[in-house]
């Protein structure tokens, strides 16, 4: 079966959208909103949010450094 989604060394035979939970999608949206509005104060976030935001910030930095970006959500 041919992959339908490939990114760096990861390939999936199914659409990755089915792996994203409602909670994950909400965290992504909140991350991008806070980023667009000028950042976030970690003391007002729960531990799960902080962990997600740190992971997302690292991934965004890595994507930027490697020349990859999502044109739909240019920051």
C-alpha atoms as a PDB file:
ATOM      1  CA  UNK A   1       0.000   0.000   0.000  1.00  0.00           C
ATOM      2  CA  UNK A   2       1.392   3.399  -0.960  1.00  0.00           C
ATOM      3  CA  UNK A   3       1.712   6.054   1.760  1.00  0.00           C
ATOM      4  CA  UNK A   4      -0.864   8.845   1.773  1.00  0.00           C
ATOM      5  CA  UNK A   5       1.131  11.109   4.092  1.00  0.00           C
ATOM      6  CA  UNK A   6       4.903  11.475   4.390  1.00  0.00           C
ATOM      7  CA  UNK A   7       6.958  13.867   6.518  1.00  0.00           C
ATOM      8  CA  UNK A   8      10.710  13.425   6.944  1.00  0.00           C
ATOM      9  CA  UNK A   9      11.175   9.818   8.114  1.00  0.00           C
ATOM     10  CA  UNK A  10       7.492   9.196   8.917  1.00  0.00           C
ATOM     11  CA  UNK A  11       5.037   7.677   6.449  1.00  0.00           C
ATOM     12  CA  UNK A  12       1.403   6.705   7.006  1.00  0.00           C
ATOM     13  CA  UNK A  13      -0.849   4.544   4.875  1.00  0.00           C
ATOM     14  CA  UNK A  14      -3.904   6.362   6.251  1.00  0.00           C
ATOM     15  CA  UNK A  15      -4.817  10.005   6.661  1.00  0.00           C
ATOM     16  CA  UNK A  16      -3.251  11.395   9.875  1.00  0.00           C
ATOM     17  CA  UNK A  17      -6.416  13.410  10.560  1.00  0.00           C
ATOM     18  CA  UNK A  18      -8.003  10.264  12.040  1.00  0.00           C
ATOM     19  CA  UNK A  19      -5.259  10.160  14.702  1.00  0.00           C
ATOM     20  CA  UNK A  20      -5.940  13.669  16.003  1.00  0.00           C
ATOM     21  CA  UNK A  21      -8.218  13.784  19.041  1.00  0.00           C
ATOM     22  CA  UNK A  22     -10.580  16.639  19.823  1.00  0.00           C
ATOM     23  CA  UNK A  23      -8.332  17.569  22.763  1.00  0.00           C
ATOM     24  CA  UNK A  24      -5.249  17.664  20.510  1.00  0.00           C
ATOM     25  CA  UNK A  25      -7.044  19.855  17.999  1.00  0.00           C
ATOM     26  CA  UNK A  26      -8.145  22.237  20.774  1.00  0.00           C
ATOM     27  CA  UNK A  27      -4.572  22.455  22.087  1.00  0.00           C
ATOM     28  CA  UNK A  28      -3.270  23.211  18.590  1.00  0.00           C
ATOM     29  CA  UNK A  29      -5.827  25.963  18.088  1.00  0.00           C
ATOM     30  CA  UNK A  30      -5.105  27.473  21.510  1.00  0.00           C
ATOM     31  CA  UNK A  31      -1.342  27.351  20.840  1.00  0.00           C
ATOM     32  CA  UNK A  32      -1.666  29.223  17.544  1.00  0.00           C
ATOM     33  CA  UNK A  33      -4.107  31.789  18.976  1.00  0.00           C
ATOM     34  CA  UNK A  34      -1.828  32.520  21.930  1.00  0.00           C
ATOM     35  CA  UNK A  35       1.189  32.665  19.606  1.00  0.00           C
ATOM     36  CA  UNK A  36      -0.544  35.123  17.319  1.00  0.00           C
ATOM     37  CA  UNK A  37      -1.634  37.289  20.267  1.00  0.00           C
ATOM     38  CA  UNK A  38       1.886  37.573  21.600  1.00  0.00           C
ATOM     39  CA  UNK A  39       2.693  34.541  23.677  1.00  0.00           C
ATOM     40  CA  UNK A  40       1.456  33.018  26.857  1.00  0.00           C
ATOM     41  CA  UNK A  41       2.070  33.087  30.557  1.00  0.00           C
ATOM     42  CA  UNK A  42       2.800  29.535  31.656  1.00  0.00           C
ATOM     43  CA  UNK A  43       1.607  30.188  35.197  1.00  0.00           C
ATOM     44  CA  UNK A  44      -1.969  30.431  33.902  1.00  0.00           C
ATOM     45  CA  UNK A  45      -1.845  27.057  32.122  1.00  0.00           C
ATOM     46  CA  UNK A  46      -2.358  23.511  33.319  1.00  0.00           C
ATOM     47  CA  UNK A  47       0.477  20.977  33.163  1.00  0.00           C
ATOM     48  CA  UNK A  48      -0.999  19.254  30.089  1.00  0.00           C
ATOM     49  CA  UNK A  49      -1.216  22.569  28.215  1.00  0.00           C
ATOM     50  CA  UNK A  50       2.358  23.510  29.140  1.00  0.00           C
ATOM     51  CA  UNK A  51       3.644  20.145  27.936  1.00  0.00           C
ATOM     52  CA  UNK A  52       1.733  20.442  24.658  1.00  0.00           C
ATOM     53  CA  UNK A  53       2.858  24.032  24.077  1.00  0.00           C
ATOM     54  CA  UNK A  54       6.521  23.168  24.712  1.00  0.00           C
ATOM     55  CA  UNK A  55       6.318  20.260  22.246  1.00  0.00           C
ATOM     56  CA  UNK A  56       4.545  22.424  19.665  1.00  0.00           C
ATOM     57  CA  UNK A  57       7.063  25.250  20.073  1.00  0.00           C
ATOM     58  CA  UNK A  58       9.953  22.815  19.539  1.00  0.00           C
ATOM     59  CA  UNK A  59       8.288  21.317  16.461  1.00  0.00           C
ATOM     60  CA  UNK A  60       7.563  24.765  15.006  1.00  0.00           C
ATOM     61  CA  UNK A  61      11.176  25.835  15.575  1.00  0.00           C
ATOM     62  CA  UNK A  62      12.469  22.664  13.926  1.00  0.00           C
ATOM     63  CA  UNK A  63      10.181  23.142  10.935  1.00  0.00           C
ATOM     64  CA  UNK A  64      11.296  26.768  10.565  1.00  0.00           C
ATOM     65  CA  UNK A  65      14.980  25.843  10.766  1.00  0.00           C
ATOM     66  CA  UNK A  66      14.545  23.140   8.120  1.00  0.00           C
ATOM     67  CA  UNK A  67      12.761  25.474   5.726  1.00  0.00           C
ATOM     68  CA  UNK A  68       9.333  23.873   6.099  1.00  0.00           C
ATOM     69  CA  UNK A  69       6.249  25.859   6.933  1.00  0.00           C
ATOM     70  CA  UNK A  70       2.503  25.609   6.681  1.00  0.00           C
ATOM     71  CA  UNK A  71       1.328  28.432   4.456  1.00  0.00           C
ATOM     72  CA  UNK A  72      -2.181  28.194   5.888  1.00  0.00           C
ATOM     73  CA  UNK A  73      -0.897  29.219   9.310  1.00  0.00           C
ATOM     74  CA  UNK A  74       2.083  31.420   8.610  1.00  0.00           C
ATOM     75  CA  UNK A  75       3.222  33.024  11.854  1.00  0.00           C
END
